Amino acid sequence: MAAFYVLACLALACVIWAVVTAIRIADFLDKRGLKTPFPFWGFYIFRNMGRYKEVTIQETGKVGPMYFQYVIPINAALLLTLAALSIRFL
């Protein structure tokens, strides 16, 4: 049972990390004139990710670091959640 809580806490930490990064990406895009309406940040996460990738590639020639700071923890949260649920119900 302790492993379940450890994995669940790690998954929650990854989700928080991804949400903070999504907010930082929206702020990054706002500074470059690509506004995201505040109430719709949750709906525009994937649009903002694509825009962020395009903007950073145009500016620096490679994908910006916040792109991977969102993609990696959100996928880790999915895997950790699946692992926690499999431990809980097996």
PDB file of N, CA and C in Angstrom:
ATOM      1  N   MET A   1       0.812  -1.190   0.000  1.00  0.00           N
ATOM      2  CA  MET A   1       0.000   0.000   0.000  1.00  0.00           C
ATOM      3  C   MET A   1       0.862   1.263   0.000  1.00  0.00           C
ATOM      4  N   ALA A   2       2.021   1.194   0.602  1.00  0.00           N
ATOM      5  CA  ALA A   2       2.904   2.359   0.635  1.00  0.00           C
ATOM      6  C   ALA A   2       3.409   2.695  -0.768  1.00  0.00           C
ATOM      7  N   ALA A   3       3.650   1.673  -1.583  1.00  0.00           N
ATOM      8  CA  ALA A   3       4.119   1.915  -2.950  1.00  0.00           C
ATOM      9  C   ALA A   3       3.065   2.664  -3.757  1.00  0.00           C
ATOM     10  N   PHE A   4       1.797   2.353  -3.507  1.00  0.00           N
ATOM     11  CA  PHE A   4       0.714   3.061  -4.190  1.00  0.00           C
ATOM     12  C   PHE A   4       0.778   4.555  -3.892  1.00  0.00           C
ATOM     13  N   TYR A   5       0.939   4.909  -2.630  1.00  0.00           N
ATOM     14  CA  TYR A   5       0.962   6.318  -2.249  1.00  0.00           C
ATOM     15  C   TYR A   5       2.205   7.033  -2.770  1.00  0.00           C
ATOM     16  N   VAL A   6       3.315   6.341  -2.793  1.00  0.00           N
ATOM     17  CA  VAL A   6       4.539   6.937  -3.336  1.00  0.00           C
ATOM     18  C   VAL A   6       4.361   7.236  -4.825  1.00  0.00           C
ATOM     19  N   LEU A   7       3.835   6.261  -5.567  1.00  0.00           N
ATOM     20  CA  LEU A   7       3.631   6.461  -6.998  1.00  0.00           C
ATOM     21  C   LEU A   7       2.579   7.534  -7.266  1.00  0.00           C
ATOM     22  N   ALA A   8       1.532   7.555  -6.455  1.00  0.00           N
ATOM     23  CA  ALA A   8       0.489   8.570  -6.627  1.00  0.00           C
ATOM     24  C   ALA A   8       1.033   9.975  -6.345  1.00  0.00           C
ATOM     25  N   CYS A   9       1.856  10.110  -5.331  1.00  0.00           N
ATOM     26  CA  CYS A   9       2.455  11.418  -5.019  1.00  0.00           C
ATOM     27  C   CYS A   9       3.414  11.859  -6.116  1.00  0.00           C
ATOM     28  N   LEU A  10       4.175  10.930  -6.650  1.00  0.00           N
ATOM     29  CA  LEU A  10       5.075  11.259  -7.756  1.00  0.00           C
ATOM     30  C   LEU A  10       4.286  11.685  -8.993  1.00  0.00           C
ATOM     31  N   ALA A  11       3.177  10.993  -9.262  1.00  0.00           N
ATOM     32  CA  ALA A  11       2.331  11.361 -10.400  1.00  0.00           C
ATOM     33  C   ALA A  11       1.750  12.756 -10.207  1.00  0.00           C
ATOM     34  N   LEU A  12       1.312  13.055  -8.996  1.00  0.00           N
ATOM     35  CA  LEU A  12       0.766  14.384  -8.702  1.00  0.00           C
ATOM     36  C   LEU A  12       1.834  15.462  -8.875  1.00  0.00           C
ATOM     37  N   ALA A  13       3.052  15.179  -8.435  1.00  0.00           N
ATOM     38  CA  ALA A  13       4.150  16.136  -8.604  1.00  0.00           C
ATOM     39  C   ALA A  13       4.430  16.374 -10.094  1.00  0.00           C
ATOM     40  N   CYS A  14       4.370  15.324 -10.901  1.00  0.00           N
ATOM     41  CA  CYS A  14       4.586  15.479 -12.342  1.00  0.00           C
ATOM     42  C   CYS A  14       3.479  16.315 -12.979  1.00  0.00           C
ATOM     43  N   VAL A  15       2.247  16.125 -12.541  1.00  0.00           N
ATOM     44  CA  VAL A  15       1.135  16.910 -13.080  1.00  0.00           C
ATOM     45  C   VAL A  15       1.304  18.380 -12.712  1.00  0.00           C
ATOM     46  N   ILE A  16       1.688  18.652 -11.480  1.00  0.00           N
ATOM     47  CA  ILE A  16       1.906  20.039 -11.049  1.00  0.00           C
ATOM     48  C   ILE A  16       3.019  20.676 -11.877  1.00  0.00           C
ATOM     49  N   TRP A  17       4.098  19.927 -12.089  1.00  0.00           N
ATOM     50  CA  TRP A  17       5.214  20.423 -12.904  1.00  0.00           C
ATOM     51  C   TRP A  17       4.727  20.753 -14.315  1.00  0.00           C
ATOM     52  N   ALA A  18       3.917  19.883 -14.914  1.00  0.00           N
ATOM     53  CA  ALA A  18       3.422  20.111 -16.267  1.00  0.00           C
ATOM     54  C   ALA A  18       2.489  21.317 -16.322  1.00  0.00           C
ATOM     55  N   VAL A  19       1.644  21.493 -15.324  1.00  0.00           N
ATOM     56  CA  VAL A  19       0.721  22.630 -15.300  1.00  0.00           C
ATOM     57  C   VAL A  19       1.494  23.940 -15.173  1.00  0.00           C
ATOM     58  N   VAL A  20       2.482  23.962 -14.309  1.00  0.00           N
ATOM     59  CA  VAL A  20       3.296  25.173 -14.157  1.00  0.00           C
ATOM     60  C   VAL A  20       4.018  25.487 -15.464  1.00  0.00           C
ATOM     61  N   THR A  21       4.523  24.477 -16.121  1.00  0.00           N
ATOM     62  CA  THR A  21       5.208  24.684 -17.399  1.00  0.00           C
ATOM     63  C   THR A  21       4.236  25.181 -18.462  1.00  0.00           C
ATOM     64  N   ALA A  22       3.017  24.650 -18.478  1.00  0.00           N
ATOM     65  CA  ALA A  22       2.015  25.114 -19.448  1.00  0.00           C
ATOM     66  C   ALA A  22       1.696  26.593 -19.226  1.00  0.00           C
ATOM     67  N   ILE A  23       1.629  27.011 -17.974  1.00  0.00           N
ATOM     68  CA  ILE A  23       1.396  28.420 -17.669  1.00  0.00           C
ATOM     69  C   ILE A  23       2.575  29.271 -18.123  1.00  0.00           C
ATOM     70  N   ARG A  24       3.783  28.774 -17.894  1.00  0.00           N
ATOM     71  CA  ARG A  24       4.976  29.512 -18.334  1.00  0.00           C
ATOM     72  C   ARG A  24       5.028  29.627 -19.852  1.00  0.00           C
ATOM     73  N   ILE A  25       4.599  28.575 -20.565  1.00  0.00           N
ATOM     74  CA  ILE A  25       4.573  28.616 -22.027  1.00  0.00           C
ATOM     75  C   ILE A  25       3.553  29.638 -22.504  1.00  0.00           C
ATOM     76  N   ALA A  26       2.381  29.678 -21.869  1.00  0.00           N
ATOM     77  CA  ALA A  26       1.365  30.677 -22.232  1.00  0.00           C
ATOM     78  C   ALA A  26       1.900  32.090 -22.002  1.00  0.00           C
ATOM     79  N   ASP A  27       2.625  32.291 -20.910  1.00  0.00           N
ATOM     80  CA  ASP A  27       3.227  33.599 -20.640  1.00  0.00           C
ATOM     81  C   ASP A  27       4.289  33.936 -21.687  1.00  0.00           C
ATOM     82  N   PHE A  28       5.093  32.962 -22.047  1.00  0.00           N
ATOM     83  CA  PHE A  28       6.118  33.144 -23.083  1.00  0.00           C
ATOM     84  C   PHE A  28       5.470  33.591 -24.388  1.00  0.00           C
ATOM     85  N   LEU A  29       4.372  32.941 -24.768  1.00  0.00           N
ATOM     86  CA  LEU A  29       3.687  33.290 -26.005  1.00  0.00           C
ATOM     87  C   LEU A  29       3.002  34.651 -25.908  1.00  0.00           C
ATOM     88  N   ASP A  30       2.470  34.984 -24.729  1.00  0.00           N
ATOM     89  CA  ASP A  30       1.848  36.301 -24.542  1.00  0.00           C
ATOM     90  C   ASP A  30       2.856  37.423 -24.763  1.00  0.00           C
ATOM     91  N   LYS A  31       4.080  37.208 -24.311  1.00  0.00           N
ATOM     92  CA  LYS A  31       5.122  38.225 -24.492  1.00  0.00           C
ATOM     93  C   LYS A  31       5.497  38.405 -25.958  1.00  0.00           C
ATOM     94  N   ARG A  32       5.196  37.418 -26.774  1.00  0.00           N
ATOM     95  CA  ARG A  32       5.492  37.507 -28.205  1.00  0.00           C
ATOM     96  C   ARG A  32       4.247  37.832 -29.028  1.00  0.00           C
ATOM     97  N   GLY A  33       3.174  38.248 -28.354  1.00  0.00           N
ATOM     98  CA  GLY A  33       1.984  38.697 -29.056  1.00  0.00           C
ATOM     99  C   GLY A  33       0.968  37.627 -29.387  1.00  0.00           C
ATOM    100  N   LEU A  34       1.179  36.399 -28.955  1.00  0.00           N
ATOM    101  CA  LEU A  34       0.237  35.313 -29.198  1.00  0.00           C
ATOM    102  C   LEU A  34      -0.563  35.079 -27.916  1.00  0.00           C
ATOM    103  N   LYS A  35      -1.662  35.794 -27.809  1.00  0.00           N
ATOM    104  CA  LYS A  35      -2.444  35.791 -26.578  1.00  0.00           C
ATOM    105  C   LYS A  35      -3.268  34.511 -26.437  1.00  0.00           C
ATOM    106  N   THR A  36      -3.431  34.075 -25.189  1.00  0.00           N
ATOM    107  CA  THR A  36      -4.313  32.976 -24.827  1.00  0.00           C
ATOM    108  C   THR A  36      -5.292  33.511 -23.795  1.00  0.00           C
ATOM    109  N   PRO A  37      -6.590  33.446 -24.070  1.00  0.00           N
ATOM    110  CA  PRO A  37      -7.550  33.928 -23.084  1.00  0.00           C
ATOM    111  C   PRO A  37      -7.433  33.134 -21.783  1.00  0.00           C
ATOM    112  N   PHE A  38      -7.376  33.837 -20.663  1.00  0.00           N
ATOM    113  CA  PHE A  38      -7.137  33.194 -19.370  1.00  0.00           C
ATOM    114  C   PHE A  38      -8.105  32.052 -19.060  1.00  0.00           C
ATOM    115  N   PRO A  39      -9.417  32.208 -19.254  1.00  0.00           N
ATOM    116  CA  PRO A  39     -10.308  31.105 -18.878  1.00  0.00           C
ATOM    117  C   PRO A  39     -10.122  29.852 -19.734  1.00  0.00           C
ATOM    118  N   PHE A  40      -9.445  29.981 -20.866  1.00  0.00           N
ATOM    119  CA  PHE A  40      -9.318  28.855 -21.789  1.00  0.00           C
ATOM    120  C   PHE A  40      -7.923  28.243 -21.841  1.00  0.00           C
ATOM    121  N   TRP A  41      -7.082  28.540 -20.859  1.00  0.00           N
ATOM    122  CA  TRP A  41      -5.726  27.986 -20.875  1.00  0.00           C
ATOM    123  C   TRP A  41      -5.734  26.469 -20.947  1.00  0.00           C
ATOM    124  N   GLY A  42      -6.645  25.853 -20.235  1.00  0.00           N
ATOM    125  CA  GLY A  42      -6.724  24.390 -20.245  1.00  0.00           C
ATOM    126  C   GLY A  42      -7.082  23.822 -21.602  1.00  0.00           C
ATOM    127  N   PHE A  43      -7.913  24.548 -22.336  1.00  0.00           N
ATOM    128  CA  PHE A  43      -8.332  24.071 -23.650  1.00  0.00           C
ATOM    129  C   PHE A  43      -7.272  24.287 -24.722  1.00  0.00           C
ATOM    130  N   TYR A  44      -6.401  25.259 -24.508  1.00  0.00           N
ATOM    131  CA  TYR A  44      -5.418  25.618 -25.514  1.00  0.00           C
ATOM    132  C   TYR A  44      -4.011  25.090 -25.225  1.00  0.00           C
ATOM    133  N   ILE A  45      -3.888  24.126 -24.355  1.00  0.00           N
ATOM    134  CA  ILE A  45      -2.556  23.609 -24.008  1.00  0.00           C
ATOM    135  C   ILE A  45      -1.847  23.073 -25.250  1.00  0.00           C
ATOM    136  N   PHE A  46      -2.533  22.245 -26.021  1.00  0.00           N
ATOM    137  CA  PHE A  46      -1.873  21.625 -27.171  1.00  0.00           C
ATOM    138  C   PHE A  46      -1.610  22.631 -28.286  1.00  0.00           C
ATOM    139  N   ARG A  47      -2.500  23.605 -28.450  1.00  0.00           N
ATOM    140  CA  ARG A  47      -2.252  24.664 -29.426  1.00  0.00           C
ATOM    141  C   ARG A  47      -1.028  25.467 -29.011  1.00  0.00           C
ATOM    142  N   ASN A  48      -0.948  25.790 -27.713  1.00  0.00           N
ATOM    143  CA  ASN A  48       0.196  26.553 -27.221  1.00  0.00           C
ATOM    144  C   ASN A  48       1.494  25.769 -27.358  1.00  0.00           C
ATOM    145  N   MET A  49       1.428  24.461 -27.166  1.00  0.00           N
ATOM    146  CA  MET A  49       2.640  23.645 -27.319  1.00  0.00           C
ATOM    147  C   MET A  49       3.151  23.728 -28.752  1.00  0.00           C
ATOM    148  N   GLY A  50       2.249  23.610 -29.715  1.00  0.00           N
ATOM    149  CA  GLY A  50       2.652  23.712 -31.121  1.00  0.00           C
ATOM    150  C   GLY A  50       3.198  25.083 -31.465  1.00  0.00           C
ATOM    151  N   ARG A  51       2.535  26.114 -30.971  1.00  0.00           N
ATOM    152  CA  ARG A  51       3.013  27.480 -31.221  1.00  0.00           C
ATOM    153  C   ARG A  51       4.367  27.719 -30.576  1.00  0.00           C
ATOM    154  N   TYR A  52       4.523  27.234 -29.338  1.00  0.00           N
ATOM    155  CA  TYR A  52       5.802  27.403 -28.640  1.00  0.00           C
ATOM    156  C   TYR A  52       6.920  26.729 -29.429  1.00  0.00           C
ATOM    157  N   LYS A  53       6.644  25.536 -29.912  1.00  0.00           N
ATOM    158  CA  LYS A  53       7.651  24.808 -30.680  1.00  0.00           C
ATOM    159  C   LYS A  53       8.030  25.578 -31.947  1.00  0.00           C
ATOM    160  N   GLU A  54       7.031  26.095 -32.658  1.00  0.00           N
ATOM    161  CA  GLU A  54       7.297  26.863 -33.878  1.00  0.00           C
ATOM    162  C   GLU A  54       8.084  28.144 -33.588  1.00  0.00           C
ATOM    163  N   VAL A  55       7.671  28.874 -32.545  1.00  0.00           N
ATOM    164  CA  VAL A  55       8.324  30.146 -32.214  1.00  0.00           C
ATOM    165  C   VAL A  55       9.775  29.921 -31.812  1.00  0.00           C
ATOM    166  N   THR A  56      10.022  28.933 -30.975  1.00  0.00           N
ATOM    167  CA  THR A  56      11.397  28.717 -30.523  1.00  0.00           C
ATOM    168  C   THR A  56      12.280  28.190 -31.644  1.00  0.00           C
ATOM    169  N   ILE A  57      11.712  27.401 -32.543  1.00  0.00           N
ATOM    170  CA  ILE A  57      12.508  26.945 -33.687  1.00  0.00           C
ATOM    171  C   ILE A  57      12.863  28.125 -34.583  1.00  0.00           C
ATOM    172  N   GLN A  58      11.919  29.057 -34.783  1.00  0.00           N
ATOM    173  CA  GLN A  58      12.204  30.249 -35.591  1.00  0.00           C
ATOM    174  C   GLN A  58      13.247  31.141 -34.935  1.00  0.00           C
ATOM    175  N   GLU A  59      13.177  31.267 -33.592  1.00  0.00           N
ATOM    176  CA  GLU A  59      14.088  32.174 -32.889  1.00  0.00           C
ATOM    177  C   GLU A  59      15.482  31.591 -32.699  1.00  0.00           C
ATOM    178  N   THR A  60      15.568  30.310 -32.340  1.00  0.00           N
ATOM    179  CA  THR A  60      16.865  29.739 -31.978  1.00  0.00           C
ATOM    180  C   THR A  60      17.329  28.602 -32.881  1.00  0.00           C
ATOM    181  N   GLY A  61      16.426  28.073 -33.690  1.00  0.00           N
ATOM    182  CA  GLY A  61      16.802  26.958 -34.551  1.00  0.00           C
ATOM    183  C   GLY A  61      16.583  25.593 -33.916  1.00  0.00           C
ATOM    184  N   LYS A  62      16.112  25.568 -32.682  1.00  0.00           N
ATOM    185  CA  LYS A  62      15.802  24.292 -32.035  1.00  0.00           C
ATOM    186  C   LYS A  62      14.612  24.485 -31.092  1.00  0.00           C
ATOM    187  N   VAL A  63      14.067  23.360 -30.662  1.00  0.00           N
ATOM    188  CA  VAL A  63      12.893  23.404 -29.787  1.00  0.00           C
ATOM    189  C   VAL A  63      13.306  23.916 -28.414  1.00  0.00           C
ATOM    190  N   GLY A  64      12.488  24.791 -27.845  1.00  0.00           N
ATOM    191  CA  GLY A  64      12.780  25.363 -26.535  1.00  0.00           C
ATOM    192  C   GLY A  64      12.690  24.338 -25.418  1.00  0.00           C
ATOM    193  N   PRO A  65      13.347  24.595 -24.294  1.00  0.00           N
ATOM    194  CA  PRO A  65      13.407  23.619 -23.201  1.00  0.00           C
ATOM    195  C   PRO A  65      12.065  23.398 -22.501  1.00  0.00           C
ATOM    196  N   MET A  66      11.182  24.384 -22.508  1.00  0.00           N
ATOM    197  CA  MET A  66       9.906  24.198 -21.822  1.00  0.00           C
ATOM    198  C   MET A  66       9.010  23.191 -22.532  1.00  0.00           C
ATOM    199  N   TYR A  67       9.252  22.954 -23.805  1.00  0.00           N
ATOM    200  CA  TYR A  67       8.483  21.945 -24.536  1.00  0.00           C
ATOM    201  C   TYR A  67       8.685  20.575 -23.893  1.00  0.00           C
ATOM    202  N   PHE A  68       9.927  20.244 -23.633  1.00  0.00           N
ATOM    203  CA  PHE A  68      10.222  18.941 -23.032  1.00  0.00           C
ATOM    204  C   PHE A  68       9.900  18.924 -21.541  1.00  0.00           C
ATOM    205  N   GLN A  69       9.901  20.111 -20.910  1.00  0.00           N
ATOM    206  CA  GLN A  69       9.513  20.189 -19.505  1.00  0.00           C
ATOM    207  C   GLN A  69       8.018  19.971 -19.331  1.00  0.00           C
ATOM    208  N   TYR A  70       7.260  20.030 -20.408  1.00  0.00           N
ATOM    209  CA  TYR A  70       5.846  19.670 -20.345  1.00  0.00           C
ATOM    210  C   TYR A  70       5.626  18.221 -20.780  1.00  0.00           C
ATOM    211  N   VAL A  71       6.239  17.837 -21.884  1.00  0.00           N
ATOM    212  CA  VAL A  71       5.987  16.520 -22.467  1.00  0.00           C
ATOM    213  C   VAL A  71       6.460  15.389 -21.543  1.00  0.00           C
ATOM    214  N   ILE A  72       7.646  15.511 -21.001  1.00  0.00           N
ATOM    215  CA  ILE A  72       8.195  14.433 -20.173  1.00  0.00           C
ATOM    216  C   ILE A  72       7.396  14.232 -18.886  1.00  0.00           C
ATOM    217  N   PRO A  73       7.101  15.272 -18.090  1.00  0.00           N
ATOM    218  CA  PRO A  73       6.359  15.013 -16.859  1.00  0.00           C
ATOM    219  C   PRO A  73       4.913  14.577 -17.078  1.00  0.00           C
ATOM    220  N   ILE A  74       4.262  15.031 -18.134  1.00  0.00           N
ATOM    221  CA  ILE A  74       2.877  14.611 -18.340  1.00  0.00           C
ATOM    222  C   ILE A  74       2.832  13.139 -18.736  1.00  0.00           C
ATOM    223  N   ASN A  75       3.817  12.683 -19.506  1.00  0.00           N
ATOM    224  CA  ASN A  75       3.887  11.261 -19.832  1.00  0.00           C
ATOM    225  C   ASN A  75       4.307  10.430 -18.622  1.00  0.00           C
ATOM    226  N   ALA A  76       5.211  10.970 -17.815  1.00  0.00           N
ATOM    227  CA  ALA A  76       5.609  10.275 -16.588  1.00  0.00           C
ATOM    228  C   ALA A  76       4.428  10.160 -15.628  1.00  0.00           C
ATOM    229  N   ALA A  77       3.613  11.202 -15.554  1.00  0.00           N
ATOM    230  CA  ALA A  77       2.432  11.151 -14.695  1.00  0.00           C
ATOM    231  C   ALA A  77       1.478  10.062 -15.152  1.00  0.00           C
ATOM    232  N   LEU A  78       1.308   9.918 -16.452  1.00  0.00           N
ATOM    233  CA  LEU A  78       0.456   8.854 -16.980  1.00  0.00           C
ATOM    234  C   LEU A  78       0.989   7.483 -16.596  1.00  0.00           C
ATOM    235  N   LEU A  79       2.286   7.272 -16.797  1.00  0.00           N
ATOM    236  CA  LEU A  79       2.881   5.976 -16.464  1.00  0.00           C
ATOM    237  C   LEU A  79       2.848   5.697 -14.963  1.00  0.00           C
ATOM    238  N   LEU A  80       3.125   6.702 -14.161  1.00  0.00           N
ATOM    239  CA  LEU A  80       3.092   6.517 -12.708  1.00  0.00           C
ATOM    240  C   LEU A  80       1.677   6.231 -12.214  1.00  0.00           C
ATOM    241  N   THR A  81       0.696   6.882 -12.807  1.00  0.00           N
ATOM    242  CA  THR A  81      -0.692   6.629 -12.430  1.00  0.00           C
ATOM    243  C   THR A  81      -1.096   5.204 -12.794  1.00  0.00           C
ATOM    244  N   LEU A  82      -0.722   4.767 -13.978  1.00  0.00           N
ATOM    245  CA  LEU A  82      -1.029   3.393 -14.372  1.00  0.00           C
ATOM    246  C   LEU A  82      -0.336   2.379 -13.466  1.00  0.00           C
ATOM    247  N   ALA A  83       0.906   2.666 -13.084  1.00  0.00           N
ATOM    248  CA  ALA A  83       1.626   1.773 -12.175  1.00  0.00           C
ATOM    249  C   ALA A  83       0.963   1.753 -10.803  1.00  0.00           C
ATOM    250  N   ALA A  84       0.558   2.920 -10.311  1.00  0.00           N
ATOM    251  CA  ALA A  84      -0.095   2.994  -8.998  1.00  0.00           C
ATOM    252  C   ALA A  84      -1.419   2.245  -9.012  1.00  0.00           C
ATOM    253  N   LEU A  85      -2.184   2.406 -10.078  1.00  0.00           N
ATOM    254  CA  LEU A  85      -3.465   1.711 -10.160  1.00  0.00           C
ATOM    255  C   LEU A  85      -3.288   0.202 -10.294  1.00  0.00           C
ATOM    256  N   SER A  86      -2.242  -0.208 -11.022  1.00  0.00           N
ATOM    257  CA  SER A  86      -2.009  -1.645 -11.151  1.00  0.00           C
ATOM    258  C   SER A  86      -1.581  -2.252  -9.819  1.00  0.00           C
ATOM    259  N   ILE A  87      -0.820  -1.510  -9.028  1.00  0.00           N
ATOM    260  CA  ILE A  87      -0.432  -1.995  -7.700  1.00  0.00           C
ATOM    261  C   ILE A  87      -1.654  -2.044  -6.783  1.00  0.00           C
ATOM    262  N   ARG A  88      -2.481  -1.044  -6.885  1.00  0.00           N
ATOM    263  CA  ARG A  88      -3.668  -0.941  -6.009  1.00  0.00           C
ATOM    264  C   ARG A  88      -4.666  -2.066  -6.264  1.00  0.00           C
ATOM    265  N   PHE A  89      -4.878  -2.415  -7.518  1.00  0.00           N
ATOM    266  CA  PHE A  89      -5.924  -3.373  -7.845  1.00  0.00           C
ATOM    267  C   PHE A  89      -5.421  -4.771  -8.152  1.00  0.00           C
ATOM    268  N   LEU A  90      -4.144  -5.027  -8.000  1.00  0.00           N
ATOM    269  CA  LEU A  90      -3.625  -6.396  -8.220  1.00  0.00           C
ATOM    270  C   LEU A  90      -3.355  -7.088  -6.909  1.00  0.00           C
TER     271      LEU A  90
END
